[in-house]
Protein backbone atom coordinates (compact mmCIF):
# COMPACT_ATOMS: atom_id res chain seq x y z
CA MET A 1 -0.68 -0.10 -0.04
CA GLY A 2 1.71 3.37 -0.92
CA ALA A 3 1.30 6.33 1.41
CA LEU A 4 -2.03 7.42 2.94
CA PRO A 5 -3.67 10.59 1.43
CA MET A 6 -3.96 13.75 3.87
CA ASP A 7 -6.34 15.56 4.73
CA ALA A 8 -5.54 20.01 4.02
CA ILE A 9 -7.91 21.14 5.68
CA GLN A 10 -6.21 24.56 5.08
CA THR A 11 -7.76 24.31 1.46
CA ILE A 12 -11.14 23.96 2.18
CA LEU A 13 -10.67 27.70 4.41
CA THR A 14 -8.80 29.47 1.65
CA ARG A 15 -11.81 28.90 -0.63
CA LEU A 16 -13.96 30.01 1.78
CA GLY A 17 -12.33 32.97 2.41
CA PHE A 18 -11.05 31.89 6.14
CA GLY A 19 -8.12 33.54 7.78
CA TYR A 20 -5.26 31.27 9.45
CA ASP A 21 -1.92 30.01 10.85
CA LEU A 22 -0.71 27.07 9.46
CA TYR A 23 1.14 24.82 12.00
CA ASP A 24 3.34 22.28 9.66
CA GLY A 25 3.07 18.63 11.24
CA VAL A 26 3.76 16.36 8.43
CA SER A 27 7.54 18.15 7.41
CA SER A 28 8.15 19.88 10.73
CA ASP A 29 7.56 19.03 14.55
CA GLU A 30 6.26 22.90 14.44
CA PHE A 31 3.04 21.97 15.00
CA MET A 32 4.35 21.13 18.50
CA ASP A 33 4.75 24.71 19.31
CA LEU A 34 1.45 24.84 19.39
CA LEU A 35 -0.17 21.81 20.70
CA GLY A 36 2.57 22.27 23.56
CA HIS A 37 1.39 25.56 24.63
CA PRO A 38 -2.07 26.33 26.09
CA ASP A 39 -1.31 30.18 25.94
CA ILE A 40 -0.95 30.37 21.95
CA MET A 41 -3.39 27.58 21.49
CA ASP A 42 -6.05 29.82 23.61
CA ARG A 43 -5.27 32.60 20.74
CA TYR A 44 -7.52 30.72 18.53
CA ASP A 45 -10.98 30.16 18.34
CA ILE A 46 -10.49 26.58 16.58
CA LEU A 47 -7.86 24.10 16.50
CA PHE A 48 -7.85 22.36 13.08
CA ILE A 49 -5.55 18.68 12.87
CA ASN A 50 -5.30 16.87 9.61
CA CYS A 51 -4.64 13.33 8.79
CA GLY A 52 -1.19 12.96 8.51
CA THR A 53 0.09 14.94 11.09
CA ALA A 54 3.14 12.88 12.04
CA GLU A 55 3.53 11.20 15.55
CA LEU A 56 6.16 13.05 17.40
CA TRP A 57 3.17 13.99 19.41
CA LEU A 58 3.40 10.87 21.02
CA ASP A 59 6.62 11.73 23.41
CA HIS A 60 4.42 14.09 24.89
CA HIS A 61 1.03 12.06 24.80
CA ASP A 62 -0.12 12.85 28.74
CA ALA A 63 0.45 17.05 28.21
CA ILE A 64 -0.81 17.28 25.00
CA ALA A 65 -3.83 15.32 25.70
CA THR A 66 -4.43 17.52 29.04
CA ASN A 67 -3.82 20.81 26.37
CA LEU A 68 -6.47 19.87 23.94
CA ARG A 69 -9.12 19.19 27.44
CA ASP A 70 -8.30 22.08 28.91
CA TYR A 71 -8.87 23.99 26.15
CA VAL A 72 -12.13 22.91 24.68
CA GLN A 73 -13.26 22.66 28.30
CA GLY A 74 -11.73 26.41 28.33
CA GLY A 75 -14.04 27.15 25.12
CA GLY A 76 -12.28 26.14 22.32
CA SER A 77 -13.08 23.66 19.67
CA VAL A 78 -10.93 20.82 17.86
CA TYR A 79 -11.39 19.80 14.70
CA THR A 80 -9.88 16.13 13.61
CA SER A 81 -10.13 13.72 9.99
CA ASP A 82 -9.49 10.59 9.59
CA MET A 83 -5.88 9.20 11.19
CA ALA A 84 -5.19 12.63 13.48
CA TYR A 85 -8.62 10.71 15.82
CA HIS A 86 -5.57 9.66 18.02
CA PHE A 87 -5.59 13.47 19.55
CA PHE A 88 -9.55 13.48 20.31
CA ASP A 89 -9.49 10.13 21.39
CA ALA A 90 -6.29 10.78 23.82
CA ALA A 91 -7.65 14.29 24.82
CA PHE A 92 -11.56 12.90 25.66
CA PRO A 93 -10.99 8.62 25.76
CA GLU A 94 -14.66 8.19 26.83
CA ALA A 95 -16.18 10.08 24.28
CA ALA A 96 -16.81 7.83 21.37
CA VAL A 97 -15.65 4.99 20.45
CA PHE A 98 -14.09 4.31 16.84
CA ASP A 99 -13.43 1.48 14.86
CA TYR A 100 -9.88 1.42 15.12
CA ASP A 101 -9.31 2.00 18.89
CA ASP A 102 -7.61 -1.09 19.56
CA LEU A 103 -5.10 -0.52 16.87
CA PRO A 104 -1.86 1.14 16.99
CA ILE A 105 -1.60 4.42 16.06
CA ASP A 106 0.14 4.01 12.55
CA ASP A 107 -2.67 1.14 11.63
CA ALA A 108 -5.31 2.92 11.71
CA GLY A 109 -7.01 3.37 7.85
CA ASP A 110 -5.17 0.41 6.52
């Protein structure tokens, strides 16, 4: 199987005329600058996490999950798609049951 297609919510946001800040989560660890810092997250109303985001966050799984949970409980919204459901599942493990919950992160969708 070849590389899985990845989402690009930024393409849709651009077409709709919305402004956004892009934190690269595919070819760099730039997204960790956002998810690792609640004060930066709080600058945004909604965070979009595309499918295909690097697994670097797993080294900080508990902190990222806490940051996401606190962000939502503080009024923010998080959109995750496809394999990025792991971010949602980490922050809110009891909120939903996903078909791939028992698979390692890199196996979802295979």
